[in-house]
PDB file of N, CA and C in Angstrom:
ATOM      1  N   MET A   1       0.799  -1.043   0.451  1.00  0.00           N
ATOM      2  CA  MET A   1      -0.016  -0.114   0.137  1.00  0.00           C
ATOM      3  C   MET A   1       0.862   1.604   0.071  1.00  0.00           C
ATOM      4  N   LEU A   2       2.364   1.149   1.099  1.00  0.00           N
ATOM      5  CA  LEU A   2       2.534   2.613   0.771  1.00  0.00           C
ATOM      6  C   LEU A   2       3.891   2.781  -0.968  1.00  0.00           C
ATOM      7  N   THR A   3       4.317   1.692  -1.256  1.00  0.00           N
ATOM      8  CA  THR A   3       4.768   1.810  -2.230  1.00  0.00           C
ATOM      9  C   THR A   3       3.406   2.521  -3.411  1.00  0.00           C
ATOM     10  N   TYR A   4       2.123   1.902  -3.424  1.00  0.00           N
ATOM     11  CA  TYR A   4       1.323   2.398  -4.341  1.00  0.00           C
ATOM     12  C   TYR A   4       0.765   3.490  -3.963  1.00  0.00           C
ATOM     13  N   VAL A   5       1.502   4.472  -2.346  1.00  0.00           N
ATOM     14  CA  VAL A   5       1.746   5.939  -2.335  1.00  0.00           C
ATOM     15  C   VAL A   5       1.959   6.244  -3.487  1.00  0.00           C
ATOM     16  N   CYS A   6       3.716   6.184  -2.942  1.00  0.00           N
ATOM     17  CA  CYS A   6       4.873   6.465  -3.688  1.00  0.00           C
ATOM     18  C   CYS A   6       5.151   6.944  -5.022  1.00  0.00           C
ATOM     19  N   VAL A   7       4.656   6.120  -5.292  1.00  0.00           N
ATOM     20  CA  VAL A   7       4.245   5.993  -6.913  1.00  0.00           C
ATOM     21  C   VAL A   7       2.991   7.032  -7.511  1.00  0.00           C
ATOM     22  N   LEU A   8       2.367   6.843  -6.560  1.00  0.00           N
ATOM     23  CA  LEU A   8       1.051   8.090  -7.352  1.00  0.00           C
ATOM     24  C   LEU A   8       1.496   9.427  -7.029  1.00  0.00           C
ATOM     25  N   ALA A   9       2.472   9.834  -5.984  1.00  0.00           N
ATOM     26  CA  ALA A   9       2.676  10.658  -5.302  1.00  0.00           C
ATOM     27  C   ALA A   9       3.867  11.258  -6.483  1.00  0.00           C
ATOM     28  N   PHE A  10       5.176   9.873  -6.789  1.00  0.00           N
ATOM     29  CA  PHE A  10       5.345  10.364  -7.876  1.00  0.00           C
ATOM     30  C   PHE A  10       5.693  10.466  -9.126  1.00  0.00           C
ATOM     31  N   PHE A  11       4.344   9.520  -9.773  1.00  0.00           N
ATOM     32  CA  PHE A  11       3.582  10.258 -10.650  1.00  0.00           C
ATOM     33  C   PHE A  11       2.782  12.223 -11.029  1.00  0.00           C
ATOM     34  N   LEU A  12       1.885  12.128  -9.709  1.00  0.00           N
ATOM     35  CA  LEU A  12       1.902  13.175  -9.652  1.00  0.00           C
ATOM     36  C   LEU A  12       2.476  14.462  -9.712  1.00  0.00           C
ATOM     37  N   PHE A  13       3.940  14.217  -9.073  1.00  0.00           N
ATOM     38  CA  PHE A  13       5.137  15.614  -8.999  1.00  0.00           C
ATOM     39  C   PHE A  13       5.179  15.279 -10.355  1.00  0.00           C
ATOM     40  N   GLY A  14       5.316  14.207 -11.056  1.00  0.00           N
ATOM     41  CA  GLY A  14       6.298  14.185 -12.564  1.00  0.00           C
ATOM     42  C   GLY A  14       4.829  15.312 -13.642  1.00  0.00           C
ATOM     43  N   TYR A  15       3.544  15.044 -13.208  1.00  0.00           N
ATOM     44  CA  TYR A  15       2.771  15.470 -13.712  1.00  0.00           C
ATOM     45  C   TYR A  15       2.942  17.434 -13.796  1.00  0.00           C
ATOM     46  N   MET A  16       2.744  17.423 -12.780  1.00  0.00           N
ATOM     47  CA  MET A  16       2.932  18.481 -12.446  1.00  0.00           C
ATOM     48  C   MET A  16       4.220  19.678 -13.080  1.00  0.00           C
ATOM     49  N   TRP A  17       5.202  18.799 -12.777  1.00  0.00           N
ATOM     50  CA  TRP A  17       6.434  19.172 -13.073  1.00  0.00           C
ATOM     51  C   TRP A  17       6.394  19.793 -14.698  1.00  0.00           C
ATOM     52  N   LEU A  18       6.110  18.714 -15.261  1.00  0.00           N
ATOM     53  CA  LEU A  18       5.528  18.773 -16.533  1.00  0.00           C
ATOM     54  C   LEU A  18       4.775  19.506 -17.732  1.00  0.00           C
ATOM     55  N   ARG A  19       3.166  19.593 -16.119  1.00  0.00           N
ATOM     56  CA  ARG A  19       2.627  21.021 -16.887  1.00  0.00           C
ATOM     57  C   ARG A  19       3.228  22.230 -17.127  1.00  0.00           C
ATOM     58  N   GLY A  20       3.578  22.420 -16.065  1.00  0.00           N
ATOM     59  CA  GLY A  20       4.821  23.475 -15.168  1.00  0.00           C
ATOM     60  C   GLY A  20       5.629  23.615 -16.723  1.00  0.00           C
ATOM     61  N   ILE A  21       6.673  22.939 -17.014  1.00  0.00           N
ATOM     62  CA  ILE A  21       7.360  23.435 -18.235  1.00  0.00           C
ATOM     63  C   ILE A  21       6.335  23.410 -19.968  1.00  0.00           C
ATOM     64  N   VAL A  22       5.501  23.146 -19.944  1.00  0.00           N
ATOM     65  CA  VAL A  22       4.636  22.557 -20.871  1.00  0.00           C
ATOM     66  C   VAL A  22       4.142  24.824 -21.384  1.00  0.00           C
ATOM     67  N   LEU A  23       3.724  24.814 -19.982  1.00  0.00           N
ATOM     68  CA  LEU A  23       3.039  26.289 -19.455  1.00  0.00           C
ATOM     69  C   LEU A  23       3.860  27.160 -19.894  1.00  0.00           C
ATOM     70  N   ARG A  24       5.405  26.967 -19.217  1.00  0.00           N
ATOM     71  CA  ARG A  24       5.915  28.025 -19.582  1.00  0.00           C
ATOM     72  C   ARG A  24       6.330  27.801 -21.042  1.00  0.00           C
ATOM     73  N   GLN A  25       6.426  27.408 -21.735  1.00  0.00           N
ATOM     74  CA  GLN A  25       6.106  27.301 -22.785  1.00  0.00           C
ATOM     75  C   GLN A  25       5.573  28.032 -23.688  1.00  0.00           C
ATOM     76  N   GLU A  26       4.294  27.337 -23.596  1.00  0.00           N
ATOM     77  CA  GLU A  26       3.040  28.269 -23.881  1.00  0.00           C
ATOM     78  C   GLU A  26       3.389  29.472 -23.334  1.00  0.00           C
ATOM     79  N   LYS A  27       3.571  29.818 -22.989  1.00  0.00           N
ATOM     80  CA  LYS A  27       3.571  31.619 -22.389  1.00  0.00           C
ATOM     81  C   LYS A  27       4.198  32.200 -22.949  1.00  0.00           C
ATOM     82  N   MET A  28       5.381  31.151 -23.339  1.00  0.00           N
ATOM     83  CA  MET A  28       6.846  32.179 -24.508  1.00  0.00           C
ATOM     84  C   MET A  28       6.558  31.959 -25.537  1.00  0.00           C
ATOM     85  N   ARG A  29       5.479  31.020 -26.491  1.00  0.00           N
ATOM     86  CA  ARG A  29       4.777  30.680 -27.248  1.00  0.00           C
ATOM     87  C   ARG A  29       4.230  32.585 -27.911  1.00  0.00           C
ATOM     88  N   TRP A  30       2.692  32.261 -26.970  1.00  0.00           N
ATOM     89  CA  TRP A  30       2.213  33.629 -26.815  1.00  0.00           C
ATOM     90  C   TRP A  30       2.945  35.049 -26.983  1.00  0.00           C
ATOM     91  N   ALA A  31       4.128  34.674 -25.824  1.00  0.00           N
ATOM     92  CA  ALA A  31       4.769  36.594 -26.070  1.00  0.00           C
ATOM     93  C   ALA A  31       5.380  36.422 -27.384  1.00  0.00           C
ATOM     94  N   ARG A  32       5.644  35.768 -27.716  1.00  0.00           N
ATOM     95  CA  ARG A  32       6.916  35.647 -29.085  1.00  0.00           C
ATOM     96  C   ARG A  32       5.523  35.675 -30.491  1.00  0.00           C
ATOM     97  N   ARG A  33       4.183  35.119 -29.953  1.00  0.00           N
ATOM     98  CA  ARG A  33       3.339  35.379 -31.274  1.00  0.00           C
ATOM     99  C   ARG A  33       3.102  37.200 -31.274  1.00  0.00           C
ATOM    100  N   ARG A  34       2.985  37.139 -29.556  1.00  0.00           N
ATOM    101  CA  ARG A  34       2.463  38.770 -29.145  1.00  0.00           C
ATOM    102  C   ARG A  34       3.201  40.058 -30.249  1.00  0.00           C
ATOM    103  N   GLN A  35       4.944  39.422 -30.472  1.00  0.00           N
ATOM    104  CA  GLN A  35       5.763  40.735 -30.622  1.00  0.00           C
ATOM    105  C   GLN A  35       5.198  39.849 -32.074  1.00  0.00           C
ATOM    106  N   TRP A  36       5.289  39.180 -32.917  1.00  0.00           N
ATOM    107  CA  TRP A  36       4.987  38.563 -34.536  1.00  0.00           C
ATOM    108  C   TRP A  36       4.234  38.957 -35.319  1.00  0.00           C
ATOM    109  N   ARG A  37       2.659  39.239 -33.565  1.00  0.00           N
ATOM    110  CA  ARG A  37       1.828  39.759 -34.998  1.00  0.00           C
ATOM    111  C   ARG A  37       2.141  41.997 -34.582  1.00  0.00           C
ATOM    112  N   ARG A  38       2.646  41.931 -33.361  1.00  0.00           N
ATOM    113  CA  ARG A  38       3.474  43.670 -33.350  1.00  0.00           C
ATOM    114  C   ARG A  38       4.012  44.364 -34.658  1.00  0.00           C
ATOM    115  N   TRP A  39       5.264  43.638 -35.258  1.00  0.00           N
ATOM    116  CA  TRP A  39       5.597  43.862 -36.167  1.00  0.00           C
ATOM    117  C   TRP A  39       5.367  43.499 -37.348  1.00  0.00           C
ATOM    118  N   MET A  40       4.529  43.030 -37.240  1.00  0.00           N
ATOM    119  CA  MET A  40       3.443  42.463 -38.898  1.00  0.00           C
ATOM    120  C   MET A  40       2.543  43.480 -38.451  1.00  0.00           C
ATOM    121  N   LEU A  41       2.273  44.029 -38.586  1.00  0.00           N
ATOM    122  CA  LEU A  41       1.359  45.486 -38.017  1.00  0.00           C
ATOM    123  C   LEU A  41       1.900  46.514 -38.601  1.00  0.00           C
ATOM    124  N   ASP A  42       3.175  46.678 -37.781  1.00  0.00           N
ATOM    125  CA  ASP A  42       4.357  47.945 -38.012  1.00  0.00           C
ATOM    126  C   ASP A  42       5.339  47.336 -39.985  1.00  0.00           C
ATOM    127  N   GLN A  43       5.234  46.864 -40.068  1.00  0.00           N
ATOM    128  CA  GLN A  43       5.343  46.059 -41.430  1.00  0.00           C
ATOM    129  C   GLN A  43       4.608  46.672 -42.025  1.00  0.00           C
ATOM    130  N   LEU A  44       2.954  46.182 -41.926  1.00  0.00           N
ATOM    131  CA  LEU A  44       1.735  46.658 -42.163  1.00  0.00           C
ATOM    132  C   LEU A  44       1.754  47.954 -42.196  1.00  0.00           C
ATOM    133  N   THR A  45       1.660  48.892 -41.580  1.00  0.00           N
ATOM    134  CA  THR A  45       1.859  50.149 -41.456  1.00  0.00           C
ATOM    135  C   THR A  45       2.728  50.905 -41.841  1.00  0.00           C
ATOM    136  N   LYS A  46       3.738  50.422 -41.917  1.00  0.00           N
ATOM    137  CA  LYS A  46       4.586  51.781 -42.831  1.00  0.00           C
ATOM    138  C   LYS A  46       5.364  50.709 -44.512  1.00  0.00           C
ATOM    139  N   GLU A  47       5.226  52.324 -45.293  1.00  0.00           N
ATOM    140  CA  GLU A  47       5.253  50.947 -46.185  1.00  0.00           C
ATOM    141  C   GLU A  47       6.718  50.539 -47.281  1.00  0.00           C
ATOM    142  N   PRO A  48       6.736  49.147 -47.202  1.00  0.00           N
ATOM    143  CA  PRO A  48       7.783  48.404 -47.579  1.00  0.00           C
ATOM    144  C   PRO A  48       8.320  48.750 -48.888  1.00  0.00           C
ATOM    145  N   PRO A  49       9.639  48.482 -48.677  1.00  0.00           N
ATOM    146  CA  PRO A  49      10.539  48.719 -49.931  1.00  0.00           C
ATOM    147  C   PRO A  49       9.976  48.303 -50.894  1.00  0.00           C
ATOM    148  N   GLU A  50       9.939  48.352 -52.369  1.00  0.00           N
ATOM    149  CA  GLU A  50       9.702  46.657 -53.469  1.00  0.00           C
ATOM    150  C   GLU A  50      10.804  45.884 -53.407  1.00  0.00           C
ATOM    151  N   GLY A  51      10.950  44.599 -53.472  1.00  0.00           N
ATOM    152  CA  GLY A  51      11.467  43.417 -53.827  1.00  0.00           C
ATOM    153  C   GLY A  51      12.511  43.553 -51.483  1.00  0.00           C
ATOM    154  N   GLU A  52      11.602  44.117 -50.846  1.00  0.00           N
ATOM    155  CA  GLU A  52      11.573  43.211 -49.586  1.00  0.00           C
ATOM    156  C   GLU A  52      10.570  42.284 -49.558  1.00  0.00           C
ATOM    157  N   ASP A  53      11.706  40.931 -48.519  1.00  0.00           N
ATOM    158  CA  ASP A  53      10.360  40.220 -48.555  1.00  0.00           C
ATOM    159  C   ASP A  53       9.591  41.050 -46.944  1.00  0.00           C
TER     160      ASP A  53
END
């Protein structure tokens, strides 16, 4: 019974740890997307010179 509780606690800890990493990556991705959208708006508002990507 004790080993079962230990394994359960270990899995719960690993799940929370992985979820924290995933949430942190998601937050960074959202910040990067927001930066990218702001950059796109800047590119759209200022007329880009011909021939530039």
